Amino acid sequence: MDWFWGWLGATFVLSLAEAILFPTMSVQIDRLAPSHLRGTYFGASSFYAIGWSMAPLIGGLVIQWWSGPILYGSLVALCGVVFVLYRFTEYLSRPVWPEQEEGLIADAEA
């Protein structure tokens, strides 16, 4: 495959993902976040910008010092670790916020 067409295809896929993700992300965060933690949730969701800005520098340094297969192998390993941690969160208990406790007490009394 010619590198130009590979680059063009990757750019298209990334652009499509951005067009789907970013308009809906704020709505989903607003729905998921408790009202008193909404600002914290929106702030945490903006951490992707750190990776977005640092990835070219770090990726370039890894390729310069080691090689491309090391870079991609480490990224696959990192994705595996994130996947395992994500699956592990199903077994963790979620905190009950004071606002939720009041709602639960009111529901139990009714």
C-alpha atoms as a PDB file:
ATOM      1  CA  MET A   1       0.000   0.000   0.000  1.00  0.00           C
ATOM      2  CA  ASP A   2       1.264   3.446  -0.836  1.00  0.00           C
ATOM      3  CA  TRP A   3       1.995   5.536   2.275  1.00  0.00           C
ATOM      4  CA  PHE A   4      -0.064   8.419   0.938  1.00  0.00           C
ATOM      5  CA  TRP A   5      -3.231   6.302   0.753  1.00  0.00           C
ATOM      6  CA  GLY A   6      -2.573   4.803   4.181  1.00  0.00           C
ATOM      7  CA  TRP A   7      -2.148   8.273   5.651  1.00  0.00           C
ATOM      8  CA  LEU A   8      -5.277   9.469   3.873  1.00  0.00           C
ATOM      9  CA  GLY A   9      -7.295   6.501   5.177  1.00  0.00           C
ATOM     10  CA  ALA A  10      -6.050   6.974   8.745  1.00  0.00           C
ATOM     11  CA  THR A  11      -6.873  10.689   8.596  1.00  0.00           C
ATOM     12  CA  PHE A  12     -10.374   9.896   7.360  1.00  0.00           C
ATOM     13  CA  VAL A  13     -11.010   7.383  10.164  1.00  0.00           C
ATOM     14  CA  LEU A  14      -9.689   9.797  12.810  1.00  0.00           C
ATOM     15  CA  SER A  15     -11.798  12.663  11.443  1.00  0.00           C
ATOM     16  CA  LEU A  16     -14.899  10.494  11.408  1.00  0.00           C
ATOM     17  CA  ALA A  17     -14.284   9.407  15.009  1.00  0.00           C
ATOM     18  CA  GLU A  18     -13.820  13.023  16.108  1.00  0.00           C
ATOM     19  CA  ALA A  19     -17.007  14.087  14.332  1.00  0.00           C
ATOM     20  CA  ILE A  20     -18.951  11.398  16.187  1.00  0.00           C
ATOM     21  CA  LEU A  21     -17.287  11.644  19.599  1.00  0.00           C
ATOM     22  CA  PHE A  22     -16.828  15.307  20.437  1.00  0.00           C
ATOM     23  CA  PRO A  23     -20.366  16.642  19.848  1.00  0.00           C
ATOM     24  CA  THR A  24     -21.884  13.850  21.937  1.00  0.00           C
ATOM     25  CA  MET A  25     -19.233  13.647  24.659  1.00  0.00           C
ATOM     26  CA  SER A  26     -20.439  16.725  26.565  1.00  0.00           C
ATOM     27  CA  VAL A  27     -24.019  15.478  26.555  1.00  0.00           C
ATOM     28  CA  GLN A  28     -22.980  12.072  27.891  1.00  0.00           C
ATOM     29  CA  ILE A  29     -20.804  13.609  30.612  1.00  0.00           C
ATOM     30  CA  ASP A  30     -23.673  15.880  31.625  1.00  0.00           C
ATOM     31  CA  ARG A  31     -25.991  12.871  31.930  1.00  0.00           C
ATOM     32  CA  LEU A  32     -23.525  10.712  33.867  1.00  0.00           C
ATOM     33  CA  ALA A  33     -22.159  13.245  36.343  1.00  0.00           C
ATOM     34  CA  PRO A  34     -23.847  13.994  39.647  1.00  0.00           C
ATOM     35  CA  SER A  35     -24.792  17.674  39.738  1.00  0.00           C
ATOM     36  CA  HIS A  36     -22.258  18.577  42.438  1.00  0.00           C
ATOM     37  CA  LEU A  37     -19.392  16.884  40.528  1.00  0.00           C
ATOM     38  CA  ARG A  38     -20.235  18.028  37.009  1.00  0.00           C
ATOM     39  CA  GLY A  39     -17.271  20.425  36.799  1.00  0.00           C
ATOM     40  CA  THR A  40     -14.898  17.708  37.969  1.00  0.00           C
ATOM     41  CA  TYR A  41     -16.212  15.294  35.349  1.00  0.00           C
ATOM     42  CA  PHE A  42     -15.855  17.867  32.575  1.00  0.00           C
ATOM     43  CA  GLY A  43     -12.326  18.692  33.743  1.00  0.00           C
ATOM     44  CA  ALA A  44     -11.327  15.034  33.824  1.00  0.00           C
ATOM     45  CA  SER A  45     -12.752  14.498  30.354  1.00  0.00           C
ATOM     46  CA  SER A  46     -10.400  17.177  29.047  1.00  0.00           C
ATOM     47  CA  PHE A  47      -7.314  15.131  29.954  1.00  0.00           C
ATOM     48  CA  TYR A  48      -7.345  13.696  26.441  1.00  0.00           C
ATOM     49  CA  ALA A  49      -5.791  16.992  25.326  1.00  0.00           C
ATOM     50  CA  ILE A  50      -2.572  16.132  27.186  1.00  0.00           C
ATOM     51  CA  GLY A  51      -2.195  12.930  25.199  1.00  0.00           C
ATOM     52  CA  TRP A  52      -3.254  14.645  22.004  1.00  0.00           C
ATOM     53  CA  SER A  53      -0.504  17.248  22.381  1.00  0.00           C
ATOM     54  CA  MET A  54       2.267  15.049  23.847  1.00  0.00           C
ATOM     55  CA  ALA A  55       1.802  11.986  21.610  1.00  0.00           C
ATOM     56  CA  PRO A  56       3.784  13.313  18.624  1.00  0.00           C
ATOM     57  CA  LEU A  57       6.735  14.276  20.821  1.00  0.00           C
ATOM     58  CA  ILE A  58       6.838  11.056  22.829  1.00  0.00           C
ATOM     59  CA  GLY A  59       6.133   8.873  19.794  1.00  0.00           C
ATOM     60  CA  GLY A  60       8.870  10.617  17.833  1.00  0.00           C
ATOM     61  CA  LEU A  61      11.369  10.161  20.648  1.00  0.00           C
ATOM     62  CA  VAL A  62      10.544   6.461  20.995  1.00  0.00           C
ATOM     63  CA  ILE A  63      10.979   5.940  17.248  1.00  0.00           C
ATOM     64  CA  GLN A  64      14.228   7.925  17.254  1.00  0.00           C
ATOM     65  CA  TRP A  65      15.765   6.102  20.250  1.00  0.00           C
ATOM     66  CA  TRP A  66      14.399   2.610  19.610  1.00  0.00           C
ATOM     67  CA  SER A  67      12.172   1.726  16.638  1.00  0.00           C
ATOM     68  CA  GLY A  68       8.640   1.720  15.267  1.00  0.00           C
ATOM     69  CA  PRO A  69       7.876  -1.870  16.346  1.00  0.00           C
ATOM     70  CA  ILE A  70       8.853  -0.964  19.934  1.00  0.00           C
ATOM     71  CA  LEU A  71       6.459   1.992  19.813  1.00  0.00           C
ATOM     72  CA  TYR A  72       3.547  -0.021  18.466  1.00  0.00           C
ATOM     73  CA  GLY A  73       4.270  -2.984  20.724  1.00  0.00           C
ATOM     74  CA  SER A  74       4.258  -0.749  23.787  1.00  0.00           C
ATOM     75  CA  LEU A  75       1.004   0.869  22.637  1.00  0.00           C
ATOM     76  CA  VAL A  76      -0.631  -2.543  22.205  1.00  0.00           C
ATOM     77  CA  ALA A  77       0.578  -3.517  25.693  1.00  0.00           C
ATOM     78  CA  LEU A  78      -0.763  -0.240  27.119  1.00  0.00           C
ATOM     79  CA  CYS A  79      -4.136  -0.858  25.466  1.00  0.00           C
ATOM     80  CA  GLY A  80      -4.166  -4.324  27.032  1.00  0.00           C
ATOM     81  CA  VAL A  81      -3.496  -2.896  30.487  1.00  0.00           C
ATOM     82  CA  VAL A  82      -6.245  -0.294  30.055  1.00  0.00           C
ATOM     83  CA  PHE A  83      -8.676  -2.989  28.895  1.00  0.00           C
ATOM     84  CA  VAL A  84      -7.920  -5.164  31.938  1.00  0.00           C
ATOM     85  CA  LEU A  85      -8.328  -2.192  34.294  1.00  0.00           C
ATOM     86  CA  TYR A  86     -11.588  -1.238  32.598  1.00  0.00           C
ATOM     87  CA  ARG A  87     -12.946  -4.754  33.043  1.00  0.00           C
ATOM     88  CA  PHE A  88     -11.799  -4.695  36.684  1.00  0.00           C
ATOM     89  CA  THR A  89     -13.940  -1.620  37.419  1.00  0.00           C
ATOM     90  CA  GLU A  90     -17.084  -3.758  37.112  1.00  0.00           C
ATOM     91  CA  TYR A  91     -16.191  -5.331  40.461  1.00  0.00           C
ATOM     92  CA  LEU A  92     -15.571  -2.084  42.352  1.00  0.00           C
ATOM     93  CA  SER A  93     -18.275  -0.505  44.460  1.00  0.00           C
ATOM     94  CA  ARG A  94     -19.498   2.922  43.462  1.00  0.00           C
ATOM     95  CA  PRO A  95     -19.659   5.670  46.096  1.00  0.00           C
ATOM     96  CA  VAL A  96     -23.050   6.836  47.308  1.00  0.00           C
ATOM     97  CA  TRP A  97     -23.155  10.625  47.368  1.00  0.00           C
ATOM     98  CA  PRO A  98     -25.136  12.483  50.061  1.00  0.00           C
ATOM     99  CA  GLU A  99     -27.710  13.618  47.489  1.00  0.00           C
ATOM    100  CA  GLN A 100     -28.281  10.012  46.481  1.00  0.00           C
ATOM    101  CA  GLU A 101     -28.619   8.912  50.116  1.00  0.00           C
ATOM    102  CA  GLU A 102     -31.366  11.486  50.687  1.00  0.00           C
ATOM    103  CA  GLY A 103     -33.184  10.212  47.605  1.00  0.00           C
ATOM    104  CA  LEU A 104     -32.808   6.617  48.743  1.00  0.00           C
ATOM    105  CA  ILE A 105     -34.109   7.454  52.224  1.00  0.00           C
ATOM    106  CA  ALA A 106     -37.094   9.331  50.765  1.00  0.00           C
ATOM    107  CA  ASP A 107     -37.852   6.414  48.426  1.00  0.00           C
ATOM    108  CA  ALA A 108     -37.618   3.925  51.300  1.00  0.00           C
ATOM    109  CA  GLU A 109     -39.978   5.973  53.488  1.00  0.00           C
ATOM    110  CA  ALA A 110     -42.595   6.345  50.749  1.00  0.00           C
END
